[in-house]
């Protein structure tokens, strides 16, 4: 696949909801991308499925994963894993300490915007606060990744606030620090829909 806005968007989706792995014991290369079955089935069934067909000419059927707690796609392909990690520069394996906007996109603002749109569609949250006040927020365990997104958005003229939050994570039984950015108000929301955009239904 050549570098395109669709490819950049798909890589953003993988940075948000995805993992790219190699299992030594099974000699298995896998790209897995899953979301919440409650509100993401349509997104995977239509948008992501069509995108994978268009970009890589693969017919993938989205399904439930992880004992039906998640919904999405898995692609078993050594060549695609190598392309996404070695050529594009997405992280292989545990991603949080290595997440970044792929350098290959940095020369083209449109590609970066589409990458951020993919991250946002899977990992950001749009809330309408009191009196219909819109807030777009993004949270990541990776401080450097959130800061990189924040500084790109600020260069594009967005007003971005950043917070650190401490949360107790029951799954790992310890306190984790997450990094959060927020864009608040109508002006920011309209600028986001015009400049970055949502593809998520």
N, C-alpha and C. Protein backbone atom coordinates (compact mmCIF):
# COMPACT_ATOMS: atom_id res chain seq x y z
N UNK A 1 0.86 -1.19 0.00
CA UNK A 1 0.00 0.00 0.00
C UNK A 1 0.90 1.24 0.00
N UNK A 2 0.57 2.23 -0.84
CA UNK A 2 1.38 3.43 -0.79
C UNK A 2 0.89 4.33 0.33
N UNK A 3 1.72 5.29 0.70
CA UNK A 3 1.34 6.20 1.77
C UNK A 3 0.11 6.98 1.33
N UNK A 4 -0.95 6.89 2.11
CA UNK A 4 -2.19 7.57 1.76
C UNK A 4 -2.87 7.99 3.05
N UNK A 5 -3.88 8.85 2.91
CA UNK A 5 -4.63 9.28 4.10
C UNK A 5 -5.32 8.09 4.75
N UNK A 6 -5.82 7.16 3.94
CA UNK A 6 -6.46 5.96 4.50
C UNK A 6 -5.48 5.11 5.29
N UNK A 7 -4.28 4.97 4.75
CA UNK A 7 -3.27 4.17 5.45
C UNK A 7 -2.88 4.84 6.78
N UNK A 8 -2.72 6.15 6.73
CA UNK A 8 -2.37 6.89 7.96
C UNK A 8 -3.48 6.74 9.00
N UNK A 9 -4.73 6.83 8.54
CA UNK A 9 -5.87 6.66 9.45
C UNK A 9 -5.84 5.26 10.07
N UNK A 10 -5.65 4.23 9.24
CA UNK A 10 -5.62 2.85 9.73
C UNK A 10 -4.50 2.65 10.76
N UNK A 11 -3.35 3.27 10.51
CA UNK A 11 -2.24 3.17 11.47
C UNK A 11 -2.60 3.85 12.80
N UNK A 12 -3.37 4.94 12.72
CA UNK A 12 -3.85 5.59 13.94
C UNK A 12 -4.80 4.70 14.71
N UNK A 13 -5.67 3.99 13.98
CA UNK A 13 -6.59 3.03 14.62
C UNK A 13 -5.79 1.95 15.34
N UNK A 14 -4.73 1.47 14.69
CA UNK A 14 -3.88 0.43 15.32
C UNK A 14 -3.16 0.99 16.55
N UNK A 15 -2.74 2.26 16.47
CA UNK A 15 -2.08 2.86 17.64
C UNK A 15 -3.07 2.97 18.80
N UNK A 16 -4.35 3.20 18.47
CA UNK A 16 -5.37 3.33 19.51
C UNK A 16 -5.84 1.99 20.04
N UNK A 17 -6.40 1.17 19.16
CA UNK A 17 -7.09 -0.06 19.59
C UNK A 17 -6.32 -1.33 19.24
N UNK A 18 -5.17 -1.19 18.61
CA UNK A 18 -4.55 -2.37 18.03
C UNK A 18 -3.32 -2.87 18.76
N UNK A 19 -2.91 -4.06 18.34
CA UNK A 19 -1.61 -4.58 18.78
C UNK A 19 -1.03 -5.38 17.63
N UNK A 20 0.29 -5.30 17.51
CA UNK A 20 0.99 -6.04 16.45
C UNK A 20 1.97 -6.94 17.16
N UNK A 21 1.84 -8.25 16.95
CA UNK A 21 2.66 -9.14 17.75
C UNK A 21 3.21 -10.32 16.96
N UNK A 22 4.25 -10.91 17.56
CA UNK A 22 4.81 -12.15 17.03
C UNK A 22 4.90 -13.12 18.20
N UNK A 23 4.25 -14.27 18.05
CA UNK A 23 4.31 -15.26 19.13
C UNK A 23 5.33 -16.32 18.77
N UNK A 24 6.43 -16.29 19.50
CA UNK A 24 7.57 -17.17 19.23
C UNK A 24 7.16 -18.65 19.27
N UNK A 25 6.38 -19.01 20.31
CA UNK A 25 6.03 -20.43 20.48
C UNK A 25 5.21 -20.97 19.31
N UNK A 26 4.39 -20.08 18.70
CA UNK A 26 3.55 -20.54 17.58
C UNK A 26 4.09 -20.08 16.23
N UNK A 27 5.20 -19.33 16.26
CA UNK A 27 5.74 -18.72 15.04
C UNK A 27 4.62 -17.98 14.29
N UNK A 28 3.88 -17.17 15.06
CA UNK A 28 2.66 -16.57 14.52
C UNK A 28 2.75 -15.04 14.52
N UNK A 29 2.51 -14.45 13.38
CA UNK A 29 2.48 -13.00 13.25
C UNK A 29 1.02 -12.55 13.23
N UNK A 30 0.68 -11.60 14.10
CA UNK A 30 -0.74 -11.22 14.16
C UNK A 30 -0.92 -9.72 14.38
N UNK A 31 -1.86 -9.15 13.63
CA UNK A 31 -2.30 -7.78 13.87
C UNK A 31 -3.73 -7.90 14.40
N UNK A 32 -3.93 -7.39 15.60
CA UNK A 32 -5.26 -7.52 16.21
C UNK A 32 -5.75 -6.12 16.55
N UNK A 33 -7.00 -5.87 16.22
CA UNK A 33 -7.54 -4.54 16.48
C UNK A 33 -8.98 -4.72 16.95
N UNK A 34 -9.24 -4.41 18.21
CA UNK A 34 -10.56 -4.67 18.77
C UNK A 34 -11.06 -3.50 19.61
N UNK A 35 -12.38 -3.40 19.70
CA UNK A 35 -13.00 -2.35 20.50
C UNK A 35 -14.12 -2.93 21.35
N UNK A 36 -14.96 -2.04 21.83
CA UNK A 36 -16.05 -2.42 22.72
C UNK A 36 -17.24 -2.94 21.91
N UNK A 37 -17.70 -4.18 22.19
CA UNK A 37 -18.81 -4.74 21.40
C UNK A 37 -20.10 -3.92 21.52
N UNK A 38 -20.25 -3.17 22.62
CA UNK A 38 -21.50 -2.43 22.82
C UNK A 38 -21.73 -1.39 21.74
N UNK A 39 -20.65 -0.67 21.37
CA UNK A 39 -20.89 0.43 20.43
C UNK A 39 -19.92 0.47 19.26
N UNK A 40 -19.15 -0.60 19.06
CA UNK A 40 -18.14 -0.54 17.99
C UNK A 40 -18.35 -1.57 16.89
N UNK A 41 -19.41 -2.37 16.98
CA UNK A 41 -19.55 -3.42 15.96
C UNK A 41 -19.73 -2.84 14.56
N UNK A 42 -20.57 -1.82 14.47
CA UNK A 42 -20.84 -1.20 13.17
C UNK A 42 -19.54 -0.63 12.57
N UNK A 43 -18.73 -0.02 13.43
CA UNK A 43 -17.46 0.58 13.01
C UNK A 43 -16.54 -0.46 12.37
N UNK A 44 -16.43 -1.63 13.04
CA UNK A 44 -15.57 -2.68 12.50
C UNK A 44 -16.21 -3.39 11.30
N UNK A 45 -17.52 -3.63 11.39
CA UNK A 45 -18.21 -4.36 10.31
C UNK A 45 -18.20 -3.60 8.99
N UNK A 46 -18.26 -2.28 9.07
CA UNK A 46 -18.36 -1.50 7.83
C UNK A 46 -17.03 -0.81 7.53
N UNK A 47 -16.67 0.14 8.41
CA UNK A 47 -15.54 1.00 8.08
C UNK A 47 -14.21 0.26 8.04
N UNK A 48 -13.88 -0.45 9.10
CA UNK A 48 -12.56 -1.09 9.18
C UNK A 48 -12.43 -2.24 8.19
N UNK A 49 -13.49 -3.02 8.06
CA UNK A 49 -13.49 -4.13 7.10
C UNK A 49 -13.22 -3.61 5.67
N UNK A 50 -13.94 -2.55 5.28
CA UNK A 50 -13.77 -1.98 3.93
C UNK A 50 -12.37 -1.38 3.74
N UNK A 51 -11.87 -0.77 4.82
CA UNK A 51 -10.56 -0.14 4.76
C UNK A 51 -9.46 -1.19 4.54
N UNK A 52 -9.56 -2.32 5.24
CA UNK A 52 -8.56 -3.38 5.10
C UNK A 52 -8.61 -3.98 3.68
N UNK A 53 -9.82 -4.08 3.14
CA UNK A 53 -9.97 -4.58 1.77
C UNK A 53 -9.33 -3.59 0.78
N UNK A 54 -9.61 -2.32 0.99
CA UNK A 54 -9.10 -1.29 0.07
C UNK A 54 -7.58 -1.17 0.13
N UNK A 55 -7.03 -1.20 1.37
CA UNK A 55 -5.59 -0.98 1.54
C UNK A 55 -4.76 -2.21 1.18
N UNK A 56 -5.22 -3.38 1.62
CA UNK A 56 -4.36 -4.57 1.53
C UNK A 56 -5.00 -5.71 0.72
N UNK A 57 -6.18 -5.44 0.15
CA UNK A 57 -6.93 -6.44 -0.60
C UNK A 57 -7.15 -7.75 0.19
N UNK A 58 -7.47 -7.59 1.47
CA UNK A 58 -7.74 -8.77 2.31
C UNK A 58 -9.21 -8.75 2.72
N UNK A 59 -9.84 -9.90 2.64
CA UNK A 59 -11.23 -10.02 3.11
C UNK A 59 -11.21 -10.53 4.54
N UNK A 60 -11.56 -9.67 5.47
CA UNK A 60 -11.50 -10.01 6.88
C UNK A 60 -12.90 -9.91 7.46
N UNK A 61 -13.27 -10.92 8.24
CA UNK A 61 -14.60 -10.87 8.86
C UNK A 61 -14.45 -10.50 10.33
N UNK A 62 -14.94 -9.31 10.74
CA UNK A 62 -14.86 -8.93 12.16
C UNK A 62 -15.66 -9.91 13.02
N UNK A 63 -15.17 -10.14 14.24
CA UNK A 63 -15.87 -11.08 15.13
C UNK A 63 -15.55 -10.76 16.58
N UNK A 64 -16.22 -11.50 17.50
CA UNK A 64 -15.93 -11.33 18.92
C UNK A 64 -14.57 -11.95 19.25
N UNK A 65 -13.88 -11.32 20.21
CA UNK A 65 -12.58 -11.83 20.68
C UNK A 65 -12.61 -11.82 22.21
N UNK A 66 -11.57 -12.40 22.79
CA UNK A 66 -11.35 -12.31 24.24
C UNK A 66 -12.61 -12.69 25.03
N UNK A 67 -13.08 -13.90 24.78
CA UNK A 67 -14.29 -14.42 25.45
C UNK A 67 -15.47 -13.46 25.31
N UNK A 68 -15.63 -12.94 24.10
CA UNK A 68 -16.74 -12.04 23.75
C UNK A 68 -16.73 -10.70 24.48
N UNK A 69 -15.59 -10.31 25.06
CA UNK A 69 -15.54 -9.00 25.73
C UNK A 69 -15.12 -7.90 24.75
N UNK A 70 -14.56 -8.30 23.60
CA UNK A 70 -14.15 -7.30 22.61
C UNK A 70 -14.66 -7.74 21.23
N UNK A 71 -14.63 -6.80 20.28
CA UNK A 71 -15.11 -7.09 18.94
C UNK A 71 -14.18 -6.40 17.94
N UNK A 72 -13.79 -7.13 16.91
CA UNK A 72 -12.91 -6.50 15.92
C UNK A 72 -12.30 -7.51 14.97
N UNK A 73 -11.07 -7.23 14.56
CA UNK A 73 -10.43 -8.04 13.52
C UNK A 73 -9.06 -8.56 13.96
N UNK A 74 -8.69 -9.73 13.42
CA UNK A 74 -7.29 -10.18 13.53
C UNK A 74 -6.83 -10.59 12.14
N UNK A 75 -5.60 -10.20 11.82
CA UNK A 75 -5.00 -10.53 10.52
C UNK A 75 -3.70 -11.28 10.80
N UNK A 76 -3.59 -12.48 10.27
CA UNK A 76 -2.36 -13.26 10.46
C UNK A 76 -1.54 -13.15 9.18
N UNK A 77 -0.54 -12.28 9.19
CA UNK A 77 0.25 -12.07 7.99
C UNK A 77 1.63 -11.54 8.36
N UNK A 78 2.64 -12.36 8.07
CA UNK A 78 4.02 -11.95 8.37
C UNK A 78 4.40 -10.71 7.55
N UNK A 79 4.01 -10.71 6.26
CA UNK A 79 4.43 -9.59 5.41
C UNK A 79 3.78 -8.28 5.87
N UNK A 80 2.51 -8.35 6.31
CA UNK A 80 1.84 -7.13 6.76
C UNK A 80 2.41 -6.65 8.10
N UNK A 81 2.72 -7.58 9.00
CA UNK A 81 3.37 -7.21 10.27
C UNK A 81 4.70 -6.51 9.98
N UNK A 82 5.47 -7.09 9.08
CA UNK A 82 6.79 -6.50 8.77
C UNK A 82 6.63 -5.13 8.11
N UNK A 83 5.66 -5.00 7.22
CA UNK A 83 5.42 -3.72 6.56
C UNK A 83 5.05 -2.64 7.58
N UNK A 84 4.12 -2.98 8.49
CA UNK A 84 3.64 -1.97 9.44
C UNK A 84 4.69 -1.61 10.49
N UNK A 85 5.54 -2.57 10.86
CA UNK A 85 6.53 -2.28 11.90
C UNK A 85 7.85 -1.78 11.32
N UNK A 86 8.32 -2.41 10.23
CA UNK A 86 9.64 -2.04 9.70
C UNK A 86 9.59 -0.84 8.75
N UNK A 87 8.54 -0.79 7.92
CA UNK A 87 8.45 0.31 6.95
C UNK A 87 7.74 1.52 7.56
N UNK A 88 6.56 1.30 8.14
CA UNK A 88 5.80 2.42 8.72
C UNK A 88 6.38 2.83 10.08
N UNK A 89 6.79 1.84 10.88
CA UNK A 89 7.38 2.18 12.18
C UNK A 89 6.44 2.07 13.36
N UNK A 90 5.35 1.29 13.21
CA UNK A 90 4.48 1.04 14.37
C UNK A 90 5.18 0.05 15.30
N UNK A 91 4.90 0.12 16.63
CA UNK A 91 5.61 -0.76 17.56
C UNK A 91 5.17 -2.22 17.47
N UNK A 92 6.15 -3.11 17.60
CA UNK A 92 5.88 -4.55 17.67
C UNK A 92 5.87 -4.93 19.14
N UNK A 93 4.85 -5.68 19.55
CA UNK A 93 4.79 -6.09 20.96
C UNK A 93 4.23 -4.99 21.84
N UNK A 94 4.67 -4.95 23.11
CA UNK A 94 4.15 -3.95 24.06
C UNK A 94 4.34 -2.55 23.51
N UNK A 95 3.22 -1.82 23.39
CA UNK A 95 3.34 -0.60 22.60
C UNK A 95 3.52 0.68 23.40
N UNK A 96 3.14 0.69 24.69
CA UNK A 96 3.01 2.00 25.34
C UNK A 96 4.31 2.76 25.49
N UNK A 97 5.43 2.03 25.65
CA UNK A 97 6.68 2.79 25.79
C UNK A 97 7.25 3.19 24.43
N UNK A 98 6.62 2.71 23.34
CA UNK A 98 7.20 3.00 22.02
C UNK A 98 6.24 3.75 21.10
N UNK A 99 5.05 4.10 21.60
CA UNK A 99 4.07 4.75 20.74
C UNK A 99 4.55 6.13 20.30
N UNK A 100 4.38 6.41 19.02
CA UNK A 100 4.74 7.72 18.49
C UNK A 100 4.02 7.90 17.16
N UNK A 101 3.93 9.14 16.71
CA UNK A 101 3.44 9.35 15.34
C UNK A 101 4.54 8.83 14.42
N UNK A 102 4.23 7.89 13.51
CA UNK A 102 5.29 7.35 12.66
C UNK A 102 6.04 8.45 11.90
N UNK A 103 7.37 8.38 11.96
CA UNK A 103 8.21 9.42 11.33
C UNK A 103 7.90 9.58 9.85
N UNK A 104 7.53 8.47 9.22
CA UNK A 104 7.28 8.47 7.77
C UNK A 104 6.09 9.39 7.41
N UNK A 105 5.22 9.67 8.39
CA UNK A 105 4.07 10.57 8.13
C UNK A 105 4.39 12.03 8.42
N UNK A 106 5.49 12.30 9.14
CA UNK A 106 5.69 13.64 9.71
C UNK A 106 5.92 14.73 8.67
N UNK A 107 6.34 14.34 7.46
CA UNK A 107 6.58 15.35 6.43
C UNK A 107 5.29 15.86 5.80
N UNK A 108 4.19 15.20 6.09
CA UNK A 108 2.94 15.54 5.42
C UNK A 108 1.84 15.75 6.47
N UNK A 109 1.44 17.02 6.64
CA UNK A 109 0.47 17.34 7.70
C UNK A 109 -0.83 16.57 7.53
N UNK A 110 -1.24 16.34 6.26
CA UNK A 110 -2.49 15.62 6.02
C UNK A 110 -2.41 14.19 6.55
N UNK A 111 -1.25 13.57 6.39
CA UNK A 111 -1.08 12.19 6.88
C UNK A 111 -1.14 12.17 8.41
N UNK A 112 -0.50 13.16 9.04
CA UNK A 112 -0.53 13.22 10.51
C UNK A 112 -1.96 13.44 11.00
N UNK A 113 -2.70 14.31 10.32
CA UNK A 113 -4.10 14.58 10.72
C UNK A 113 -4.93 13.30 10.63
N UNK A 114 -4.73 12.52 9.57
CA UNK A 114 -5.49 11.28 9.41
C UNK A 114 -5.07 10.24 10.45
N UNK A 115 -3.78 10.22 10.76
CA UNK A 115 -3.29 9.32 11.82
C UNK A 115 -3.96 9.67 13.15
N UNK A 116 -3.98 10.97 13.49
CA UNK A 116 -4.59 11.41 14.75
C UNK A 116 -6.09 11.13 14.73
N UNK A 117 -6.73 11.27 13.58
CA UNK A 117 -8.16 10.95 13.46
C UNK A 117 -8.41 9.47 13.80
N UNK A 118 -7.52 8.59 13.35
CA UNK A 118 -7.66 7.16 13.67
C UNK A 118 -7.47 6.88 15.15
N UNK A 119 -6.48 7.55 15.75
CA UNK A 119 -6.26 7.41 17.20
C UNK A 119 -7.51 7.89 17.94
N UNK A 120 -8.03 9.03 17.51
CA UNK A 120 -9.17 9.64 18.21
C UNK A 120 -10.44 8.79 18.07
N UNK A 121 -10.66 8.22 16.87
CA UNK A 121 -11.87 7.41 16.67
C UNK A 121 -11.88 6.17 17.55
N UNK A 122 -10.71 5.69 17.94
CA UNK A 122 -10.66 4.47 18.75
C UNK A 122 -10.40 4.76 20.22
N UNK A 123 -9.70 5.85 20.52
CA UNK A 123 -9.21 6.04 21.88
C UNK A 123 -9.64 7.34 22.54
N UNK A 124 -10.20 8.26 21.77
CA UNK A 124 -10.63 9.53 22.36
C UNK A 124 -12.12 9.47 22.67
N UNK A 125 -12.59 10.51 23.31
CA UNK A 125 -13.95 10.49 23.80
C UNK A 125 -14.56 11.86 23.53
N UNK A 126 -15.79 11.87 23.01
CA UNK A 126 -16.48 13.14 22.82
C UNK A 126 -17.61 13.21 23.84
N UNK A 127 -17.61 14.24 24.65
CA UNK A 127 -18.67 14.40 25.65
C UNK A 127 -19.37 15.73 25.42
N UNK A 128 -20.66 15.74 25.68
CA UNK A 128 -21.39 17.01 25.65
C UNK A 128 -21.71 17.34 27.10
N UNK A 129 -21.05 18.39 27.59
CA UNK A 129 -21.24 18.78 29.00
C UNK A 129 -22.48 19.65 29.14
N UNK A 130 -22.66 20.16 30.34
CA UNK A 130 -23.84 21.00 30.62
C UNK A 130 -24.02 22.08 29.57
N UNK A 131 -25.25 22.40 29.31
CA UNK A 131 -25.63 23.40 28.31
C UNK A 131 -24.94 23.14 26.96
N UNK A 132 -24.89 21.86 26.59
CA UNK A 132 -24.44 21.45 25.25
C UNK A 132 -23.02 21.90 24.92
N UNK A 133 -22.13 21.83 25.89
CA UNK A 133 -20.75 22.28 25.69
C UNK A 133 -19.89 21.08 25.30
N UNK A 134 -19.35 21.04 24.06
CA UNK A 134 -18.62 19.83 23.63
C UNK A 134 -17.16 19.79 24.14
N UNK A 135 -16.73 18.61 24.56
CA UNK A 135 -15.34 18.42 24.98
C UNK A 135 -14.80 17.15 24.32
N UNK A 136 -13.68 17.29 23.62
CA UNK A 136 -13.00 16.13 23.04
C UNK A 136 -11.81 15.82 23.94
N UNK A 137 -11.74 14.58 24.44
CA UNK A 137 -10.62 14.26 25.32
C UNK A 137 -9.93 12.97 24.87
N UNK A 138 -8.63 12.94 25.08
CA UNK A 138 -7.85 11.75 24.73
C UNK A 138 -6.98 11.37 25.90
N UNK A 139 -6.88 10.07 26.15
CA UNK A 139 -6.12 9.58 27.29
C UNK A 139 -5.15 8.51 26.82
N UNK A 140 -3.93 8.53 27.33
CA UNK A 140 -2.97 7.47 26.99
C UNK A 140 -2.06 7.22 28.18
N UNK A 141 -1.54 5.98 28.25
CA UNK A 141 -0.52 5.69 29.26
C UNK A 141 0.82 6.28 28.83
N UNK A 142 0.92 6.61 27.55
CA UNK A 142 2.20 7.11 27.04
C UNK A 142 2.23 8.63 27.04
N UNK A 143 3.06 9.17 27.94
CA UNK A 143 3.17 10.62 28.06
C UNK A 143 3.74 11.24 26.78
N UNK A 144 4.77 10.62 26.22
CA UNK A 144 5.43 11.21 25.05
C UNK A 144 4.48 11.22 23.84
N UNK A 145 3.64 10.18 23.72
CA UNK A 145 2.71 10.10 22.59
C UNK A 145 1.65 11.19 22.68
N UNK A 146 1.08 11.36 23.89
CA UNK A 146 0.06 12.40 24.09
C UNK A 146 0.67 13.78 23.88
N UNK A 147 1.92 13.96 24.33
CA UNK A 147 2.57 15.27 24.16
C UNK A 147 2.85 15.57 22.68
N UNK A 148 3.19 14.51 21.95
CA UNK A 148 3.45 14.69 20.51
C UNK A 148 2.16 15.09 19.78
N UNK A 149 1.06 14.45 20.13
CA UNK A 149 -0.23 14.80 19.52
C UNK A 149 -0.62 16.23 19.91
N UNK A 150 -0.42 16.56 21.20
CA UNK A 150 -0.75 17.91 21.68
C UNK A 150 0.06 18.97 20.91
N UNK A 151 1.35 18.74 20.74
CA UNK A 151 2.16 19.79 20.11
C UNK A 151 1.81 19.93 18.62
N UNK A 152 1.48 18.82 17.96
CA UNK A 152 1.03 18.93 16.56
C UNK A 152 -0.27 19.74 16.48
N UNK A 153 -1.24 19.42 17.36
CA UNK A 153 -2.53 20.13 17.34
C UNK A 153 -2.34 21.62 17.63
N UNK A 154 -1.43 21.93 18.56
CA UNK A 154 -1.19 23.35 18.88
C UNK A 154 -0.59 24.08 17.69
N UNK A 155 0.32 23.41 16.97
CA UNK A 155 0.89 24.04 15.76
C UNK A 155 -0.20 24.30 14.72
N UNK A 156 -1.24 23.46 14.74
CA UNK A 156 -2.35 23.63 13.80
C UNK A 156 -3.37 24.65 14.31
N UNK A 157 -3.09 25.27 15.47
CA UNK A 157 -3.96 26.34 15.96
C UNK A 157 -5.02 25.90 16.96
N UNK A 158 -4.93 24.66 17.46
CA UNK A 158 -5.89 24.21 18.48
C UNK A 158 -5.44 24.67 19.86
N UNK A 159 -6.41 24.85 20.75
CA UNK A 159 -6.10 25.11 22.17
C UNK A 159 -6.26 23.79 22.91
N UNK A 160 -5.17 23.31 23.51
CA UNK A 160 -5.18 21.98 24.12
C UNK A 160 -4.73 22.06 25.57
N UNK A 161 -5.53 21.50 26.50
CA UNK A 161 -5.11 21.42 27.90
C UNK A 161 -4.61 20.01 28.17
N UNK A 162 -3.61 19.88 29.04
CA UNK A 162 -3.08 18.56 29.36
C UNK A 162 -3.12 18.32 30.87
N UNK A 163 -3.51 17.13 31.25
CA UNK A 163 -3.58 16.76 32.68
C UNK A 163 -2.90 15.41 32.89
N UNK A 164 -2.46 15.19 34.12
CA UNK A 164 -2.04 13.84 34.51
C UNK A 164 -3.06 13.31 35.49
N UNK A 165 -3.44 12.06 35.34
CA UNK A 165 -4.42 11.47 36.25
C UNK A 165 -3.85 10.21 36.85
N UNK A 166 -4.09 10.05 38.15
CA UNK A 166 -3.70 8.79 38.80
C UNK A 166 -4.95 7.95 38.96
N UNK A 167 -4.86 6.70 38.53
CA UNK A 167 -6.01 5.80 38.66
C UNK A 167 -5.53 4.48 39.23
N UNK A 168 -6.37 3.90 40.05
CA UNK A 168 -6.04 2.56 40.55
C UNK A 168 -6.58 1.55 39.54
N UNK A 169 -5.70 0.73 39.00
CA UNK A 169 -6.10 -0.26 38.01
C UNK A 169 -6.22 -1.63 38.68
N UNK A 170 -7.48 -2.08 38.77
CA UNK A 170 -7.71 -3.35 39.48
C UNK A 170 -7.07 -4.54 38.76
N UNK A 171 -6.96 -4.44 37.44
CA UNK A 171 -6.42 -5.58 36.69
C UNK A 171 -4.97 -5.86 37.07
N UNK A 172 -4.20 -4.79 37.30
CA UNK A 172 -2.79 -5.01 37.65
C UNK A 172 -2.53 -4.72 39.13
N UNK A 173 -3.61 -4.32 39.83
CA UNK A 173 -3.54 -4.09 41.27
C UNK A 173 -2.52 -3.04 41.67
N UNK A 174 -2.42 -1.98 40.86
CA UNK A 174 -1.56 -0.87 41.27
C UNK A 174 -2.04 0.43 40.65
N UNK A 175 -1.50 1.52 41.16
CA UNK A 175 -1.89 2.83 40.66
C UNK A 175 -1.15 3.11 39.35
N UNK A 176 -1.88 3.55 38.33
CA UNK A 176 -1.20 3.90 37.08
C UNK A 176 -1.45 5.38 36.80
N UNK A 177 -0.49 5.97 36.10
CA UNK A 177 -0.64 7.38 35.72
C UNK A 177 -1.02 7.42 34.26
N UNK A 178 -2.10 8.13 33.96
CA UNK A 178 -2.47 8.30 32.55
C UNK A 178 -2.37 9.79 32.21
N UNK A 179 -2.20 10.05 30.93
CA UNK A 179 -2.00 11.42 30.45
C UNK A 179 -3.17 11.78 29.56
N UNK A 180 -3.73 12.95 29.82
CA UNK A 180 -5.00 13.30 29.18
C UNK A 180 -4.89 14.67 28.52
N UNK A 181 -5.44 14.78 27.32
CA UNK A 181 -5.57 16.11 26.71
C UNK A 181 -7.04 16.40 26.47
N UNK A 182 -7.39 17.69 26.51
CA UNK A 182 -8.78 18.09 26.28
C UNK A 182 -8.83 19.30 25.36
N UNK A 183 -9.82 19.25 24.46
CA UNK A 183 -10.14 20.41 23.62
C UNK A 183 -11.59 20.76 23.94
N UNK A 184 -11.82 21.98 24.41
CA UNK A 184 -13.15 22.32 24.94
C UNK A 184 -13.83 23.43 24.15
N UNK A 185 -15.13 23.28 24.00
CA UNK A 185 -15.93 24.37 23.44
C UNK A 185 -16.24 24.21 21.95
N UNK A 186 -17.17 25.03 21.48
CA UNK A 186 -17.66 24.92 20.09
C UNK A 186 -16.57 25.19 19.07
N UNK A 187 -15.77 26.25 19.33
CA UNK A 187 -14.76 26.64 18.33
C UNK A 187 -13.79 25.48 18.07
N UNK A 188 -13.35 24.86 19.18
CA UNK A 188 -12.41 23.75 19.04
C UNK A 188 -13.08 22.55 18.36
N UNK A 189 -14.35 22.31 18.73
CA UNK A 189 -15.09 21.18 18.16
C UNK A 189 -15.26 21.37 16.65
N UNK A 190 -15.65 22.58 16.24
CA UNK A 190 -15.87 22.84 14.80
C UNK A 190 -14.55 22.77 14.04
N UNK A 191 -13.49 23.28 14.67
CA UNK A 191 -12.17 23.21 14.03
C UNK A 191 -11.75 21.74 13.89
N UNK A 192 -12.02 20.95 14.92
CA UNK A 192 -11.67 19.51 14.86
C UNK A 192 -12.44 18.82 13.72
N UNK A 193 -13.75 19.06 13.64
CA UNK A 193 -14.53 18.37 12.60
C UNK A 193 -14.09 18.83 11.21
N UNK A 194 -13.64 20.07 11.09
CA UNK A 194 -13.17 20.56 9.80
C UNK A 194 -11.76 20.09 9.46
N UNK A 195 -10.88 20.10 10.45
CA UNK A 195 -9.45 19.85 10.21
C UNK A 195 -9.03 18.39 10.38
N UNK A 196 -9.55 17.74 11.41
CA UNK A 196 -9.13 16.37 11.74
C UNK A 196 -10.23 15.40 11.34
N UNK A 197 -11.42 15.63 11.85
CA UNK A 197 -12.58 14.85 11.44
C UNK A 197 -12.73 13.54 12.18
N UNK A 198 -13.96 13.07 12.24
CA UNK A 198 -14.28 11.74 12.77
C UNK A 198 -14.72 10.87 11.60
N UNK A 199 -14.35 9.61 11.60
CA UNK A 199 -14.94 8.68 10.62
C UNK A 199 -15.86 7.71 11.33
N UNK A 200 -15.74 7.68 12.65
CA UNK A 200 -16.51 6.71 13.45
C UNK A 200 -18.00 7.05 13.36
N UNK A 201 -18.85 6.05 13.06
CA UNK A 201 -20.30 6.35 12.93
C UNK A 201 -20.91 6.80 14.25
